[in-house]
Amino acid sequence: MAWTRDELETAFENYQKTVVQATRTGDWNHFADMFTENATYNEHGYGQFSGREEIRRWVTRTMTSFPATRMTSFPVSWYVIDEARGWVVCEVQNPMEDPGDGSVHGAPNITILHYAGDNLWSHEEDAYNPMNFLAATRKWCARAEASGNLPDEARVWMEKMARIAG
């Protein structure tokens, strides 16, 4: 089905506003509510999720845990819209808060959204290099620790990463 440019623009604006609200409040339920009941979500670091409620369980757990809790926003750098097919593709930045020394840390991802109508999305895919996120988070932790600002949740994460690395 073809969508109008205006409808896709409006839906994507709502998507971005919802992400801002979820980031500000820490409540990611509204994010999950933007998907159809049978939506699919492909997240390259965490796996594939089927259905709104599975997406909800994943996103609320992930985005309320470190390192996502230290990401300050998810601004879109650019986007393209395929009106005929209902696709929106964008680059999303994932900056982390200042670790205490003014340094900047984060990594981008590409998000692919498929529109379903009625301001709902039937599919999202987040494509990125997990190693870039891992490196950025490790650098953030090192700078936060050196500045005396490493939160307990980050210290636990660092210890877990050290055990995994063996």
N, C-alpha and C. Protein backbone atom coordinates (compact mmCIF):
# COMPACT_ATOMS: atom_id res chain seq x y z
N MET A 1 0.84 -1.18 0.00
CA MET A 1 0.00 0.00 0.00
C MET A 1 0.88 1.24 0.00
N ALA A 2 0.50 2.24 -0.77
CA ALA A 2 1.24 3.49 -0.81
C ALA A 2 0.69 4.46 0.23
N TRP A 3 1.60 5.16 0.85
CA TRP A 3 1.22 6.15 1.86
C TRP A 3 1.58 7.53 1.34
N THR A 4 0.91 8.54 1.84
CA THR A 4 1.28 9.90 1.43
C THR A 4 2.53 10.32 2.19
N ARG A 5 3.26 11.20 1.58
CA ARG A 5 4.46 11.73 2.22
C ARG A 5 4.10 12.38 3.56
N ASP A 6 3.00 13.13 3.58
CA ASP A 6 2.58 13.79 4.82
C ASP A 6 2.31 12.79 5.93
N GLU A 7 1.61 11.69 5.61
CA GLU A 7 1.32 10.70 6.65
C GLU A 7 2.59 10.06 7.19
N LEU A 8 3.52 9.73 6.29
CA LEU A 8 4.78 9.13 6.73
C LEU A 8 5.62 10.11 7.54
N GLU A 9 5.67 11.35 7.11
CA GLU A 9 6.40 12.39 7.86
C GLU A 9 5.81 12.55 9.26
N THR A 10 4.49 12.61 9.34
CA THR A 10 3.81 12.79 10.62
C THR A 10 4.05 11.59 11.54
N ALA A 11 3.96 10.39 10.99
CA ALA A 11 4.20 9.19 11.79
C ALA A 11 5.64 9.14 12.28
N PHE A 12 6.59 9.52 11.42
CA PHE A 12 7.99 9.51 11.82
C PHE A 12 8.27 10.60 12.85
N GLU A 13 7.65 11.76 12.72
CA GLU A 13 7.77 12.80 13.75
C GLU A 13 7.26 12.30 15.09
N ASN A 14 6.12 11.59 15.06
CA ASN A 14 5.57 11.02 16.29
C ASN A 14 6.52 9.99 16.88
N TYR A 15 7.11 9.17 16.03
CA TYR A 15 8.09 8.18 16.48
C TYR A 15 9.22 8.89 17.24
N GLN A 16 9.77 9.94 16.64
CA GLN A 16 10.88 10.66 17.27
C GLN A 16 10.45 11.32 18.58
N LYS A 17 9.26 11.92 18.60
CA LYS A 17 8.75 12.54 19.84
C LYS A 17 8.54 11.51 20.93
N THR A 18 8.08 10.32 20.55
CA THR A 18 7.88 9.26 21.53
C THR A 18 9.20 8.80 22.12
N VAL A 19 10.24 8.71 21.31
CA VAL A 19 11.56 8.34 21.80
C VAL A 19 12.07 9.40 22.78
N VAL A 20 11.87 10.66 22.46
CA VAL A 20 12.28 11.75 23.36
C VAL A 20 11.55 11.62 24.70
N GLN A 21 10.24 11.39 24.64
CA GLN A 21 9.45 11.25 25.87
C GLN A 21 9.92 10.03 26.68
N ALA A 22 10.16 8.91 26.02
CA ALA A 22 10.60 7.70 26.72
C ALA A 22 11.97 7.92 27.37
N THR A 23 12.86 8.59 26.66
CA THR A 23 14.18 8.87 27.21
C THR A 23 14.07 9.78 28.43
N ARG A 24 13.23 10.80 28.32
CA ARG A 24 13.06 11.77 29.41
C ARG A 24 12.43 11.13 30.65
N THR A 25 11.42 10.29 30.45
CA THR A 25 10.67 9.72 31.57
C THR A 25 11.18 8.36 32.03
N GLY A 26 11.90 7.65 31.16
CA GLY A 26 12.33 6.30 31.48
C GLY A 26 11.23 5.27 31.27
N ASP A 27 10.09 5.69 30.74
CA ASP A 27 8.96 4.79 30.47
C ASP A 27 8.93 4.47 28.99
N TRP A 28 9.35 3.26 28.64
CA TRP A 28 9.44 2.85 27.24
C TRP A 28 8.18 2.14 26.75
N ASN A 29 7.12 2.11 27.56
CA ASN A 29 5.86 1.48 27.14
C ASN A 29 5.24 2.20 25.95
N HIS A 30 5.32 3.51 25.92
CA HIS A 30 4.75 4.26 24.80
C HIS A 30 5.47 3.93 23.50
N PHE A 31 6.77 3.66 23.60
CA PHE A 31 7.53 3.24 22.42
C PHE A 31 6.95 1.93 21.88
N ALA A 32 6.76 0.95 22.75
CA ALA A 32 6.20 -0.33 22.32
C ALA A 32 4.81 -0.18 21.74
N ASP A 33 4.05 0.77 22.26
CA ASP A 33 2.68 0.99 21.78
C ASP A 33 2.62 1.53 20.35
N MET A 34 3.76 1.96 19.80
CA MET A 34 3.79 2.44 18.42
C MET A 34 3.82 1.31 17.40
N PHE A 35 3.88 0.07 17.86
CA PHE A 35 3.97 -1.07 16.96
C PHE A 35 2.65 -1.83 16.89
N THR A 36 2.42 -2.45 15.74
CA THR A 36 1.23 -3.28 15.59
C THR A 36 1.36 -4.50 16.52
N GLU A 37 0.25 -5.14 16.80
CA GLU A 37 0.27 -6.30 17.69
C GLU A 37 1.16 -7.42 17.17
N ASN A 38 1.29 -7.54 15.85
CA ASN A 38 2.10 -8.61 15.26
C ASN A 38 3.41 -8.09 14.65
N ALA A 39 3.88 -6.96 15.12
CA ALA A 39 5.11 -6.35 14.58
C ALA A 39 6.32 -7.25 14.81
N THR A 40 7.34 -7.02 14.01
CA THR A 40 8.63 -7.68 14.20
C THR A 40 9.69 -6.62 14.46
N TYR A 41 10.68 -7.00 15.23
CA TYR A 41 11.77 -6.09 15.58
C TYR A 41 13.06 -6.89 15.51
N ASN A 42 13.97 -6.44 14.67
CA ASN A 42 15.26 -7.11 14.51
C ASN A 42 16.32 -6.18 15.07
N GLU A 43 16.92 -6.58 16.19
CA GLU A 43 17.93 -5.78 16.85
C GLU A 43 19.23 -6.57 16.79
N HIS A 44 20.22 -6.07 16.06
CA HIS A 44 21.40 -6.87 15.73
C HIS A 44 22.20 -7.34 16.94
N GLY A 45 22.14 -6.63 18.03
CA GLY A 45 22.87 -7.05 19.23
C GLY A 45 22.06 -7.95 20.15
N TYR A 46 20.75 -7.84 20.11
CA TYR A 46 19.90 -8.55 21.08
C TYR A 46 19.04 -9.64 20.46
N GLY A 47 18.84 -9.62 19.17
CA GLY A 47 18.05 -10.67 18.53
C GLY A 47 16.78 -10.15 17.88
N GLN A 48 15.87 -11.09 17.60
CA GLN A 48 14.61 -10.76 16.93
C GLN A 48 13.46 -10.93 17.90
N PHE A 49 12.50 -10.02 17.79
CA PHE A 49 11.33 -10.03 18.67
C PHE A 49 10.08 -10.00 17.82
N SER A 50 9.09 -10.77 18.24
CA SER A 50 7.84 -10.87 17.49
C SER A 50 6.67 -10.45 18.36
N GLY A 51 5.92 -9.48 17.87
CA GLY A 51 4.74 -9.00 18.57
C GLY A 51 5.04 -7.84 19.50
N ARG A 52 4.05 -6.99 19.65
CA ARG A 52 4.19 -5.79 20.47
C ARG A 52 4.63 -6.11 21.90
N GLU A 53 4.05 -7.15 22.49
CA GLU A 53 4.36 -7.43 23.90
C GLU A 53 5.78 -7.97 24.08
N GLU A 54 6.28 -8.74 23.12
CA GLU A 54 7.67 -9.17 23.20
C GLU A 54 8.61 -7.99 23.01
N ILE A 55 8.25 -7.09 22.10
CA ILE A 55 9.02 -5.85 21.91
C ILE A 55 9.00 -5.04 23.20
N ARG A 56 7.85 -4.94 23.83
CA ARG A 56 7.72 -4.18 25.09
C ARG A 56 8.64 -4.76 26.17
N ARG A 57 8.60 -6.07 26.35
CA ARG A 57 9.45 -6.69 27.39
C ARG A 57 10.93 -6.40 27.12
N TRP A 58 11.34 -6.54 25.85
CA TRP A 58 12.74 -6.29 25.52
C TRP A 58 13.12 -4.82 25.72
N VAL A 59 12.32 -3.91 25.16
CA VAL A 59 12.72 -2.50 25.18
C VAL A 59 12.68 -1.93 26.60
N THR A 60 11.70 -2.31 27.40
CA THR A 60 11.66 -1.77 28.77
C THR A 60 12.82 -2.31 29.61
N ARG A 61 13.18 -3.56 29.41
CA ARG A 61 14.31 -4.14 30.14
C ARG A 61 15.64 -3.52 29.69
N THR A 62 15.82 -3.42 28.38
CA THR A 62 17.09 -2.95 27.83
C THR A 62 17.31 -1.46 28.07
N MET A 63 16.29 -0.67 27.85
CA MET A 63 16.47 0.78 27.94
C MET A 63 16.45 1.31 29.37
N THR A 64 16.17 0.45 30.32
CA THR A 64 16.24 0.86 31.73
C THR A 64 17.44 0.21 32.43
N SER A 65 18.39 -0.28 31.62
CA SER A 65 19.62 -0.89 32.13
C SER A 65 20.82 -0.18 31.51
N PHE A 66 21.95 -0.25 32.20
CA PHE A 66 23.19 0.31 31.66
C PHE A 66 23.62 -0.51 30.44
N PRO A 67 24.09 0.11 29.38
CA PRO A 67 24.48 1.51 29.21
C PRO A 67 23.37 2.44 28.71
N ALA A 68 22.21 1.88 28.33
CA ALA A 68 21.15 2.73 27.77
C ALA A 68 20.71 3.82 28.74
N THR A 69 20.78 3.56 30.03
CA THR A 69 20.36 4.56 31.01
C THR A 69 21.25 5.79 31.01
N ARG A 70 22.41 5.69 30.41
CA ARG A 70 23.34 6.83 30.34
C ARG A 70 23.34 7.49 28.97
N MET A 71 22.46 7.03 28.09
CA MET A 71 22.30 7.68 26.78
C MET A 71 21.29 8.81 26.94
N THR A 72 21.70 9.98 26.53
CA THR A 72 20.92 11.18 26.82
C THR A 72 19.83 11.48 25.81
N SER A 73 19.97 10.96 24.61
CA SER A 73 19.01 11.25 23.54
C SER A 73 19.31 10.30 22.38
N PHE A 74 18.42 10.31 21.41
CA PHE A 74 18.59 9.47 20.23
C PHE A 74 18.23 10.29 18.99
N PRO A 75 19.00 11.37 18.75
CA PRO A 75 18.66 12.25 17.63
C PRO A 75 18.91 11.61 16.27
N VAL A 76 18.06 11.94 15.34
CA VAL A 76 18.16 11.45 13.97
C VAL A 76 19.03 12.42 13.18
N SER A 77 20.09 11.89 12.56
CA SER A 77 21.00 12.72 11.75
C SER A 77 20.44 12.99 10.36
N TRP A 78 19.81 11.96 9.79
CA TRP A 78 19.23 12.06 8.45
C TRP A 78 18.21 10.94 8.30
N TYR A 79 17.32 11.12 7.34
CA TYR A 79 16.36 10.05 7.04
C TYR A 79 15.90 10.15 5.60
N VAL A 80 15.43 9.02 5.09
CA VAL A 80 14.83 8.96 3.75
C VAL A 80 13.50 8.23 3.89
N ILE A 81 12.57 8.59 3.02
CA ILE A 81 11.24 8.00 3.04
C ILE A 81 10.93 7.40 1.67
N ASP A 82 10.47 6.16 1.68
CA ASP A 82 10.00 5.49 0.47
C ASP A 82 8.47 5.48 0.56
N GLU A 83 7.86 6.46 -0.07
CA GLU A 83 6.40 6.62 0.01
C GLU A 83 5.65 5.42 -0.54
N ALA A 84 6.11 4.86 -1.64
CA ALA A 84 5.39 3.78 -2.30
C ALA A 84 5.34 2.52 -1.44
N ARG A 85 6.39 2.28 -0.66
CA ARG A 85 6.46 1.05 0.14
C ARG A 85 6.25 1.27 1.63
N GLY A 86 6.27 2.52 2.08
CA GLY A 86 6.05 2.80 3.50
C GLY A 86 7.26 2.59 4.38
N TRP A 87 8.45 2.72 3.82
CA TRP A 87 9.68 2.56 4.59
C TRP A 87 10.26 3.92 4.98
N VAL A 88 10.81 3.98 6.18
CA VAL A 88 11.60 5.12 6.64
C VAL A 88 12.93 4.55 7.11
N VAL A 89 14.02 5.10 6.59
CA VAL A 89 15.36 4.66 6.97
C VAL A 89 16.08 5.89 7.51
N CYS A 90 16.74 5.73 8.66
CA CYS A 90 17.40 6.89 9.27
C CYS A 90 18.66 6.47 10.01
N GLU A 91 19.52 7.46 10.24
CA GLU A 91 20.68 7.26 11.10
C GLU A 91 20.37 7.91 12.44
N VAL A 92 20.57 7.13 13.51
CA VAL A 92 20.29 7.59 14.87
C VAL A 92 21.61 7.67 15.63
N GLN A 93 21.85 8.80 16.26
CA GLN A 93 23.01 8.95 17.13
C GLN A 93 22.62 8.45 18.52
N ASN A 94 23.59 7.95 19.27
CA ASN A 94 23.35 7.42 20.61
C ASN A 94 24.37 8.00 21.58
N PRO A 95 24.31 9.30 21.85
CA PRO A 95 25.31 9.90 22.74
C PRO A 95 25.07 9.54 24.20
N MET A 96 26.18 9.38 24.91
CA MET A 96 26.10 9.13 26.34
C MET A 96 26.34 10.44 27.09
N GLU A 97 25.87 10.50 28.31
CA GLU A 97 26.06 11.70 29.12
C GLU A 97 27.55 11.96 29.36
N ASP A 98 27.86 13.16 29.74
CA ASP A 98 29.23 13.55 30.06
C ASP A 98 29.71 12.68 31.22
N PRO A 99 30.82 11.96 31.05
CA PRO A 99 31.31 11.13 32.14
C PRO A 99 31.99 11.93 33.25
N GLY A 100 32.07 13.23 33.09
CA GLY A 100 32.65 14.08 34.13
C GLY A 100 33.86 14.86 33.70
N ASP A 101 34.32 14.61 32.47
CA ASP A 101 35.51 15.32 31.99
C ASP A 101 35.25 16.07 30.69
N GLY A 102 33.99 16.13 30.27
CA GLY A 102 33.64 16.84 29.05
C GLY A 102 33.82 16.04 27.77
N SER A 103 34.29 14.80 27.86
CA SER A 103 34.51 14.00 26.66
C SER A 103 33.16 13.51 26.10
N VAL A 104 33.17 13.20 24.81
CA VAL A 104 31.95 12.78 24.11
C VAL A 104 32.10 11.32 23.71
N HIS A 105 31.04 10.52 23.97
CA HIS A 105 31.06 9.09 23.67
C HIS A 105 29.71 8.67 23.11
N GLY A 106 29.73 7.74 22.19
CA GLY A 106 28.51 7.21 21.60
C GLY A 106 28.82 6.57 20.27
N ALA A 107 27.79 6.04 19.64
CA ALA A 107 27.93 5.40 18.33
C ALA A 107 26.59 5.49 17.61
N PRO A 108 26.61 5.53 16.29
CA PRO A 108 25.35 5.62 15.54
C PRO A 108 24.81 4.24 15.15
N ASN A 109 23.55 4.22 14.80
CA ASN A 109 22.95 3.02 14.20
C ASN A 109 22.06 3.46 13.05
N ILE A 110 21.74 2.52 12.19
CA ILE A 110 20.77 2.74 11.13
C ILE A 110 19.48 2.06 11.56
N THR A 111 18.38 2.79 11.53
CA THR A 111 17.07 2.23 11.87
C THR A 111 16.23 2.18 10.61
N ILE A 112 15.59 1.04 10.41
CA ILE A 112 14.71 0.81 9.27
C ILE A 112 13.32 0.55 9.83
N LEU A 113 12.37 1.38 9.44
CA LEU A 113 10.99 1.27 9.93
C LEU A 113 10.04 0.99 8.77
N HIS A 114 9.06 0.12 9.00
CA HIS A 114 8.01 -0.10 8.00
C HIS A 114 6.69 0.34 8.60
N TYR A 115 6.04 1.23 7.88
CA TYR A 115 4.79 1.82 8.35
C TYR A 115 3.62 0.90 8.07
N ALA A 116 2.67 0.86 9.02
CA ALA A 116 1.49 0.00 8.88
C ALA A 116 0.20 0.80 8.79
N GLY A 117 0.28 2.12 8.92
CA GLY A 117 -0.91 2.95 8.92
C GLY A 117 -1.37 3.24 10.34
N ASP A 118 -2.25 4.20 10.48
CA ASP A 118 -2.81 4.58 11.79
C ASP A 118 -1.73 4.90 12.82
N ASN A 119 -0.63 5.48 12.36
CA ASN A 119 0.47 5.90 13.24
C ASN A 119 1.15 4.71 13.94
N LEU A 120 1.10 3.54 13.31
CA LEU A 120 1.73 2.33 13.86
C LEU A 120 2.78 1.81 12.88
N TRP A 121 3.76 1.09 13.43
CA TRP A 121 4.85 0.50 12.66
C TRP A 121 4.74 -1.02 12.75
N SER A 122 4.98 -1.70 11.64
CA SER A 122 4.90 -3.16 11.62
C SER A 122 6.27 -3.81 11.72
N HIS A 123 7.32 -3.01 11.58
CA HIS A 123 8.67 -3.59 11.63
C HIS A 123 9.69 -2.50 11.95
N GLU A 124 10.67 -2.89 12.75
CA GLU A 124 11.85 -2.05 12.95
C GLU A 124 13.07 -2.95 12.95
N GLU A 125 14.13 -2.43 12.34
CA GLU A 125 15.43 -3.10 12.39
C GLU A 125 16.46 -2.05 12.75
N ASP A 126 17.29 -2.36 13.74
CA ASP A 126 18.39 -1.48 14.14
C ASP A 126 19.68 -2.17 13.74
N ALA A 127 20.38 -1.57 12.78
CA ALA A 127 21.62 -2.14 12.26
C ALA A 127 22.80 -1.30 12.74
N TYR A 128 23.79 -1.97 13.31
CA TYR A 128 24.97 -1.28 13.80
C TYR A 128 26.06 -2.30 14.07
N ASN A 129 27.23 -1.80 14.36
CA ASN A 129 28.35 -2.65 14.74
C ASN A 129 28.39 -2.69 16.27
N PRO A 130 28.03 -3.80 16.89
CA PRO A 130 28.04 -3.88 18.36
C PRO A 130 29.42 -3.58 18.96
N MET A 131 30.47 -3.87 18.21
CA MET A 131 31.82 -3.59 18.72
C MET A 131 32.06 -2.10 18.90
N ASN A 132 31.45 -1.27 18.03
CA ASN A 132 31.57 0.19 18.19
C ASN A 132 30.89 0.65 19.47
N PHE A 133 29.72 0.08 19.76
CA PHE A 133 29.02 0.44 21.00
C PHE A 133 29.80 -0.04 22.22
N LEU A 134 30.35 -1.24 22.15
CA LEU A 134 31.14 -1.79 23.24
C LEU A 134 32.36 -0.90 23.52
N ALA A 135 33.06 -0.52 22.47
CA ALA A 135 34.25 0.33 22.63
C ALA A 135 33.87 1.70 23.21
N ALA A 136 32.79 2.30 22.72
CA ALA A 136 32.36 3.61 23.22
C ALA A 136 31.98 3.52 24.70
N THR A 137 31.29 2.45 25.07
CA THR A 137 30.86 2.29 26.46
C THR A 137 32.06 2.05 27.37
N ARG A 138 32.99 1.25 26.92
CA ARG A 138 34.20 1.02 27.72
C ARG A 138 34.98 2.32 27.93
N LYS A 139 35.11 3.11 26.86
CA LYS A 139 35.82 4.40 26.99
C LYS A 139 35.07 5.32 27.94
N TRP A 140 33.74 5.34 27.83
CA TRP A 140 32.93 6.16 28.73
C TRP A 140 33.17 5.74 30.18
N CYS A 141 33.17 4.43 30.43
CA CYS A 141 33.39 3.92 31.79
C CYS A 141 34.76 4.33 32.32
N ALA A 142 35.78 4.21 31.50
CA ALA A 142 37.13 4.58 31.92
C ALA A 142 37.20 6.06 32.27
N ARG A 143 36.58 6.90 31.46
CA ARG A 143 36.59 8.35 31.72
C ARG A 143 35.77 8.69 32.96
N ALA A 144 34.63 8.02 33.13
CA ALA A 144 33.79 8.25 34.31
C ALA A 144 34.53 7.82 35.57
N GLU A 145 35.21 6.69 35.50
CA GLU A 145 35.95 6.20 36.66
C GLU A 145 37.09 7.17 37.01
N ALA A 146 37.82 7.62 35.98
CA ALA A 146 38.92 8.56 36.22
C ALA A 146 38.42 9.88 36.80
N SER A 147 37.18 10.24 36.47
CA SER A 147 36.60 11.49 36.97
C SER A 147 35.89 11.31 38.31
N GLY A 148 35.86 10.08 38.80
CA GLY A 148 35.17 9.80 40.06
C GLY A 148 33.66 9.76 39.92
N ASN A 149 33.18 9.51 38.71
CA ASN A 149 31.73 9.53 38.44
C ASN A 149 31.17 8.21 37.95
N LEU A 150 31.89 7.12 38.12
CA LEU A 150 31.41 5.84 37.60
C LEU A 150 30.27 5.32 38.47
N PRO A 151 29.07 5.22 37.90
CA PRO A 151 27.94 4.72 38.69
C PRO A 151 28.08 3.22 38.95
N ASP A 152 27.43 2.74 40.00
CA ASP A 152 27.51 1.32 40.37
C ASP A 152 27.09 0.42 39.22
N GLU A 153 26.02 0.81 38.49
CA GLU A 153 25.54 -0.03 37.40
C GLU A 153 26.60 -0.18 36.30
N ALA A 154 27.41 0.84 36.09
CA ALA A 154 28.48 0.77 35.10
C ALA A 154 29.63 -0.10 35.61
N ARG A 155 29.91 -0.02 36.90
CA ARG A 155 30.96 -0.86 37.49
C ARG A 155 30.57 -2.34 37.36
N VAL A 156 29.32 -2.66 37.63
CA VAL A 156 28.83 -4.04 37.48
C VAL A 156 28.96 -4.48 36.02
N TRP A 157 28.59 -3.59 35.09
CA TRP A 157 28.69 -3.90 33.66
C TRP A 157 30.14 -4.18 33.28
N MET A 158 31.07 -3.34 33.76
CA MET A 158 32.49 -3.52 33.45
C MET A 158 33.00 -4.87 33.98
N GLU A 159 32.59 -5.23 35.18
CA GLU A 159 33.00 -6.51 35.76
C GLU A 159 32.45 -7.68 34.93
N LYS A 160 31.21 -7.55 34.49
CA LYS A 160 30.60 -8.58 33.65
C LYS A 160 31.35 -8.71 32.32
N MET A 161 31.69 -7.59 31.70
CA MET A 161 32.45 -7.61 30.44
C MET A 161 33.82 -8.24 30.64
N ALA A 162 34.46 -7.98 31.78
CA ALA A 162 35.77 -8.56 32.06
C ALA A 162 35.66 -10.08 32.20
N ARG A 163 34.59 -10.56 32.86
CA ARG A 163 34.39 -12.02 32.99
C ARG A 163 34.15 -12.67 31.64
N ILE A 164 33.37 -11.99 30.78
CA ILE A 164 33.08 -12.53 29.46
C ILE A 164 34.36 -12.62 28.63
N ALA A 165 35.20 -11.58 28.74
CA ALA A 165 36.46 -11.54 27.97
C ALA A 165 37.43 -12.60 28.47
N GLY A 166 37.21 -13.04 29.72
CA GLY A 166 37.96 -14.15 30.29
C GLY A 166 39.34 -13.86 30.69
